[in-house]
């Protein structure tokens, strides 16, 4: 069993990677949709900060 601090550290790295990937997707949408893009809204466990490795994005 890993130390709790190690688990927290890896979760935060995972959350950082997910946020970076989401930012890439939003940038892609901006580049291709331009002014037609009004908003990108994230729902569910990802938005609440309760995501698990099995969670997907609900946009």
PDB file of N, CA and C in Angstrom:
ATOM      1  N   UNK A   1       0.849  -1.173   0.000  1.00  0.00           N
ATOM      2  CA  UNK A   1       0.000   0.000   0.000  1.00  0.00           C
ATOM      3  C   UNK A   1       0.893   1.234   0.000  1.00  0.00           C
ATOM      4  N   UNK A   2       0.525   2.237  -0.814  1.00  0.00           N
ATOM      5  CA  UNK A   2       1.321   3.459  -0.892  1.00  0.00           C
ATOM      6  C   UNK A   2       0.949   4.404   0.241  1.00  0.00           C
ATOM      7  N   UNK A   3       1.848   5.285   0.490  1.00  0.00           N
ATOM      8  CA  UNK A   3       1.629   6.311   1.507  1.00  0.00           C
ATOM      9  C   UNK A   3       0.549   7.277   1.005  1.00  0.00           C
ATOM     10  N   UNK A   4      -0.361   7.757   1.864  1.00  0.00           N
ATOM     11  CA  UNK A   4      -1.433   8.668   1.431  1.00  0.00           C
ATOM     12  C   UNK A   4      -0.917   9.898   0.702  1.00  0.00           C
ATOM     13  N   UNK A   5       0.200  10.446   1.127  1.00  0.00           N
ATOM     14  CA  UNK A   5       0.745  11.631   0.453  1.00  0.00           C
ATOM     15  C   UNK A   5       1.147  11.301  -0.975  1.00  0.00           C
ATOM     16  N   UNK A   6       1.656  10.073  -1.208  1.00  0.00           N
ATOM     17  CA  UNK A   6       2.010   9.669  -2.559  1.00  0.00           C
ATOM     18  C   UNK A   6       0.761   9.550  -3.420  1.00  0.00           C
ATOM     19  N   UNK A   7      -0.305   9.009  -2.891  1.00  0.00           N
ATOM     20  CA  UNK A   7      -1.553   8.874  -3.634  1.00  0.00           C
ATOM     21  C   UNK A   7      -2.100  10.247  -3.997  1.00  0.00           C
ATOM     22  N   UNK A   8      -2.054  11.181  -3.071  1.00  0.00           N
ATOM     23  CA  UNK A   8      -2.537  12.532  -3.324  1.00  0.00           C
ATOM     24  C   UNK A   8      -1.700  13.186  -4.415  1.00  0.00           C
ATOM     25  N   UNK A   9      -0.390  12.984  -4.358  1.00  0.00           N
ATOM     26  CA  UNK A   9       0.498  13.568  -5.356  1.00  0.00           C
ATOM     27  C   UNK A   9       0.176  13.026  -6.743  1.00  0.00           C
ATOM     28  N   UNK A  10      -0.015  11.715  -6.877  1.00  0.00           N
ATOM     29  CA  UNK A  10      -0.306  11.145  -8.191  1.00  0.00           C
ATOM     30  C   UNK A  10      -1.687  11.575  -8.677  1.00  0.00           C
ATOM     31  N   UNK A  11      -2.656  11.730  -7.784  1.00  0.00           N
ATOM     32  CA  UNK A  11      -3.972  12.219  -8.189  1.00  0.00           C
ATOM     33  C   UNK A  11      -3.858  13.643  -8.719  1.00  0.00           C
ATOM     34  N   UNK A  12      -3.064  14.466  -8.070  1.00  0.00           N
ATOM     35  CA  UNK A  12      -2.939  15.839  -8.519  1.00  0.00           C
ATOM     36  C   UNK A  12      -2.222  15.892  -9.860  1.00  0.00           C
ATOM     37  N   UNK A  13      -1.246  15.021 -10.108  1.00  0.00           N
ATOM     38  CA  UNK A  13      -0.600  14.958 -11.419  1.00  0.00           C
ATOM     39  C   UNK A  13      -1.601  14.526 -12.478  1.00  0.00           C
ATOM     40  N   UNK A  14      -2.459  13.572 -12.142  1.00  0.00           N
ATOM     41  CA  UNK A  14      -3.493  13.117 -13.067  1.00  0.00           C
ATOM     42  C   UNK A  14      -4.478  14.224 -13.381  1.00  0.00           C
ATOM     43  N   UNK A  15      -4.868  14.969 -12.368  1.00  0.00           N
ATOM     44  CA  UNK A  15      -5.792  16.087 -12.568  1.00  0.00           C
ATOM     45  C   UNK A  15      -5.142  17.153 -13.441  1.00  0.00           C
ATOM     46  N   UNK A  16      -3.857  17.399 -13.222  1.00  0.00           N
ATOM     47  CA  UNK A  16      -3.134  18.380 -14.036  1.00  0.00           C
ATOM     48  C   UNK A  16      -3.092  17.927 -15.500  1.00  0.00           C
ATOM     49  N   UNK A  17      -2.841  16.667 -15.738  1.00  0.00           N
ATOM     50  CA  UNK A  17      -2.804  16.139 -17.108  1.00  0.00           C
ATOM     51  C   UNK A  17      -4.173  16.239 -17.767  1.00  0.00           C
ATOM     52  N   UNK A  18      -5.230  15.960 -17.018  1.00  0.00           N
ATOM     53  CA  UNK A  18      -6.586  16.070 -17.566  1.00  0.00           C
ATOM     54  C   UNK A  18      -6.916  17.512 -17.921  1.00  0.00           C
ATOM     55  N   UNK A  19      -6.544  18.435 -17.058  1.00  0.00           N
ATOM     56  CA  UNK A  19      -6.804  19.858 -17.324  1.00  0.00           C
ATOM     57  C   UNK A  19      -6.028  20.308 -18.560  1.00  0.00           C
ATOM     58  N   UNK A  20      -4.783  19.863 -18.692  1.00  0.00           N
ATOM     59  CA  UNK A  20      -3.980  20.222 -19.867  1.00  0.00           C
ATOM     60  C   UNK A  20      -4.628  19.678 -21.135  1.00  0.00           C
ATOM     61  N   UNK A  21      -5.114  18.455 -21.095  1.00  0.00           N
ATOM     62  CA  UNK A  21      -5.772  17.863 -22.263  1.00  0.00           C
ATOM     63  C   UNK A  21      -7.058  18.614 -22.592  1.00  0.00           C
ATOM     64  N   UNK A  22      -7.840  18.962 -21.580  1.00  0.00           N
ATOM     65  CA  UNK A  22      -9.063  19.721 -21.806  1.00  0.00           C
ATOM     66  C   UNK A  22      -8.741  21.078 -22.426  1.00  0.00           C
ATOM     67  N   UNK A  23      -7.678  21.735 -21.952  1.00  0.00           N
ATOM     68  CA  UNK A  23      -7.269  23.011 -22.534  1.00  0.00           C
ATOM     69  C   UNK A  23      -6.902  22.852 -24.006  1.00  0.00           C
ATOM     70  N   UNK A  24      -6.261  21.735 -24.360  1.00  0.00           N
ATOM     71  CA  UNK A  24      -5.932  21.466 -25.761  1.00  0.00           C
ATOM     72  C   UNK A  24      -7.200  21.349 -26.608  1.00  0.00           C
ATOM     73  N   UNK A  25      -8.194  20.653 -26.090  1.00  0.00           N
ATOM     74  CA  UNK A  25      -9.452  20.478 -26.811  1.00  0.00           C
ATOM     75  C   UNK A  25     -10.144  21.825 -27.007  1.00  0.00           C
ATOM     76  N   UNK A  26     -10.191  22.643 -25.959  1.00  0.00           N
ATOM     77  CA  UNK A  26     -10.833  23.954 -26.056  1.00  0.00           C
ATOM     78  C   UNK A  26     -10.082  24.819 -27.068  1.00  0.00           C
ATOM     79  N   UNK A  27      -8.760  24.789 -27.051  1.00  0.00           N
ATOM     80  CA  UNK A  27      -7.979  25.564 -28.018  1.00  0.00           C
ATOM     81  C   UNK A  27      -8.281  25.104 -29.444  1.00  0.00           C
ATOM     82  N   UNK A  28      -8.383  23.821 -29.648  1.00  0.00           N
ATOM     83  CA  UNK A  28      -8.722  23.272 -30.961  1.00  0.00           C
ATOM     84  C   UNK A  28     -10.093  23.774 -31.420  1.00  0.00           C
ATOM     85  N   UNK A  29     -11.060  23.747 -30.519  1.00  0.00           N
ATOM     86  CA  UNK A  29     -12.393  24.247 -30.850  1.00  0.00           C
ATOM     87  C   UNK A  29     -12.345  25.729 -31.215  1.00  0.00           C
ATOM     88  N   UNK A  30     -11.587  26.515 -30.456  1.00  0.00           N
ATOM     89  CA  UNK A  30     -11.462  27.945 -30.744  1.00  0.00           C
ATOM     90  C   UNK A  30     -10.860  28.188 -32.126  1.00  0.00           C
ATOM     91  N   UNK A  31      -9.806  27.414 -32.445  1.00  0.00           N
ATOM     92  CA  UNK A  31      -9.136  27.590 -33.731  1.00  0.00           C
ATOM     93  C   UNK A  31     -10.056  27.251 -34.896  1.00  0.00           C
ATOM     94  N   UNK A  32     -10.887  26.223 -34.734  1.00  0.00           N
ATOM     95  CA  UNK A  32     -11.716  25.759 -35.836  1.00  0.00           C
ATOM     96  C   UNK A  32     -13.104  26.396 -35.887  1.00  0.00           C
ATOM     97  N   UNK A  33     -13.605  26.853 -34.769  1.00  0.00           N
ATOM     98  CA  UNK A  33     -14.946  27.437 -34.750  1.00  0.00           C
ATOM     99  C   UNK A  33     -14.930  28.960 -34.655  1.00  0.00           C
ATOM    100  N   UNK A  34     -13.831  29.511 -34.201  1.00  0.00           N
ATOM    101  CA  UNK A  34     -13.702  30.962 -34.106  1.00  0.00           C
ATOM    102  C   UNK A  34     -14.812  31.589 -33.285  1.00  0.00           C
ATOM    103  N   UNK A  35     -15.383  32.651 -33.829  1.00  0.00           N
ATOM    104  CA  UNK A  35     -16.426  33.390 -33.115  1.00  0.00           C
ATOM    105  C   UNK A  35     -17.738  32.619 -32.986  1.00  0.00           C
ATOM    106  N   UNK A  36     -17.852  31.501 -33.699  1.00  0.00           N
ATOM    107  CA  UNK A  36     -19.062  30.680 -33.578  1.00  0.00           C
ATOM    108  C   UNK A  36     -19.109  29.938 -32.240  1.00  0.00           C
ATOM    109  N   UNK A  37     -17.949  29.756 -31.622  1.00  0.00           N
ATOM    110  CA  UNK A  37     -17.890  29.084 -30.327  1.00  0.00           C
ATOM    111  C   UNK A  37     -18.301  30.075 -29.247  1.00  0.00           C
ATOM    112  N   UNK A  38     -19.381  29.762 -28.579  1.00  0.00           N
ATOM    113  CA  UNK A  38     -19.893  30.647 -27.531  1.00  0.00           C
ATOM    114  C   UNK A  38     -19.384  30.211 -26.162  1.00  0.00           C
ATOM    115  N   UNK A  39     -19.384  28.896 -25.903  1.00  0.00           N
ATOM    116  CA  UNK A  39     -18.962  28.405 -24.593  1.00  0.00           C
ATOM    117  C   UNK A  39     -18.639  26.924 -24.691  1.00  0.00           C
ATOM    118  N   UNK A  40     -17.796  26.484 -23.784  1.00  0.00           N
ATOM    119  CA  UNK A  40     -17.550  25.066 -23.557  1.00  0.00           C
ATOM    120  C   UNK A  40     -17.804  24.858 -22.075  1.00  0.00           C
ATOM    121  N   UNK A  41     -18.742  23.991 -21.759  1.00  0.00           N
ATOM    122  CA  UNK A  41     -19.142  23.775 -20.367  1.00  0.00           C
ATOM    123  C   UNK A  41     -18.849  22.331 -19.988  1.00  0.00           C
ATOM    124  N   UNK A  42     -18.157  22.147 -18.888  1.00  0.00           N
ATOM    125  CA  UNK A  42     -17.833  20.821 -18.382  1.00  0.00           C
ATOM    126  C   UNK A  42     -18.795  20.492 -17.252  1.00  0.00           C
ATOM    127  N   UNK A  43     -19.421  19.322 -17.343  1.00  0.00           N
ATOM    128  CA  UNK A  43     -20.381  18.859 -16.341  1.00  0.00           C
ATOM    129  C   UNK A  43     -19.849  17.618 -15.629  1.00  0.00           C
ATOM    130  N   UNK A  44     -20.532  17.210 -14.603  1.00  0.00           N
ATOM    131  CA  UNK A  44     -20.288  15.921 -13.973  1.00  0.00           C
ATOM    132  C   UNK A  44     -19.096  15.884 -13.040  1.00  0.00           C
ATOM    133  N   UNK A  45     -18.593  14.674 -12.842  1.00  0.00           N
ATOM    134  CA  UNK A  45     -17.542  14.453 -11.845  1.00  0.00           C
ATOM    135  C   UNK A  45     -16.260  15.206 -12.175  1.00  0.00           C
ATOM    136  N   UNK A  46     -15.929  15.361 -13.459  1.00  0.00           N
ATOM    137  CA  UNK A  46     -14.731  16.123 -13.824  1.00  0.00           C
ATOM    138  C   UNK A  46     -14.869  17.571 -13.359  1.00  0.00           C
ATOM    139  N   UNK A  47     -16.018  18.156 -13.577  1.00  0.00           N
ATOM    140  CA  UNK A  47     -16.246  19.549 -13.189  1.00  0.00           C
ATOM    141  C   UNK A  47     -16.256  19.716 -11.671  1.00  0.00           C
ATOM    142  N   UNK A  48     -16.761  18.707 -10.979  1.00  0.00           N
ATOM    143  CA  UNK A  48     -16.828  18.787  -9.517  1.00  0.00           C
ATOM    144  C   UNK A  48     -15.515  18.428  -8.850  1.00  0.00           C
ATOM    145  N   UNK A  49     -14.532  17.940  -9.615  1.00  0.00           N
ATOM    146  CA  UNK A  49     -13.265  17.526  -9.030  1.00  0.00           C
ATOM    147  C   UNK A  49     -13.351  16.175  -8.352  1.00  0.00           C
ATOM    148  N   UNK A  50     -14.324  15.358  -8.761  1.00  0.00           N
ATOM    149  CA  UNK A  50     -14.544  14.046  -8.147  1.00  0.00           C
ATOM    150  C   UNK A  50     -14.297  12.911  -9.136  1.00  0.00           C
ATOM    151  N   UNK A  51     -13.569  13.189 -10.194  1.00  0.00           N
ATOM    152  CA  UNK A  51     -13.370  12.192 -11.252  1.00  0.00           C
ATOM    153  C   UNK A  51     -12.506  11.032 -10.788  1.00  0.00           C
ATOM    154  N   UNK A  52     -12.798   9.884 -11.343  1.00  0.00           N
ATOM    155  CA  UNK A  52     -11.984   8.682 -11.140  1.00  0.00           C
ATOM    156  C   UNK A  52     -11.291   8.392 -12.469  1.00  0.00           C
ATOM    157  N   UNK A  53     -10.350   7.455 -12.498  1.00  0.00           N
ATOM    158  CA  UNK A  53      -9.705   7.117 -13.783  1.00  0.00           C
ATOM    159  C   UNK A  53     -10.706   6.664 -14.854  1.00  0.00           C
ATOM    160  N   UNK A  54     -11.850   6.186 -14.460  1.00  0.00           N
ATOM    161  CA  UNK A  54     -12.854   5.735 -15.425  1.00  0.00           C
ATOM    162  C   UNK A  54     -13.775   6.855 -15.918  1.00  0.00           C
ATOM    163  N   UNK A  55     -13.652   8.031 -15.318  1.00  0.00           N
ATOM    164  CA  UNK A  55     -14.545   9.147 -15.674  1.00  0.00           C
ATOM    165  C   UNK A  55     -14.224   9.684 -17.056  1.00  0.00           C
ATOM    166  N   UNK A  56     -15.278  10.090 -17.753  1.00  0.00           N
ATOM    167  CA  UNK A  56     -15.102  10.736 -19.047  1.00  0.00           C
ATOM    168  C   UNK A  56     -15.462  12.210 -18.901  1.00  0.00           C
ATOM    169  N   UNK A  57     -15.396  12.931 -20.002  1.00  0.00           N
ATOM    170  CA  UNK A  57     -15.774  14.337 -20.013  1.00  0.00           C
ATOM    171  C   UNK A  57     -17.200  14.455 -20.485  1.00  0.00           C
ATOM    172  N   UNK A  58     -17.997  15.195 -19.775  1.00  0.00           N
ATOM    173  CA  UNK A  58     -19.373  15.495 -20.191  1.00  0.00           C
ATOM    174  C   UNK A  58     -19.398  16.992 -20.494  1.00  0.00           C
ATOM    175  N   UNK A  59     -19.332  17.317 -21.795  1.00  0.00           N
ATOM    176  CA  UNK A  59     -19.268  18.729 -22.210  1.00  0.00           C
ATOM    177  C   UNK A  59     -20.566  19.104 -22.891  1.00  0.00           C
TER     178      UNK A  59
END
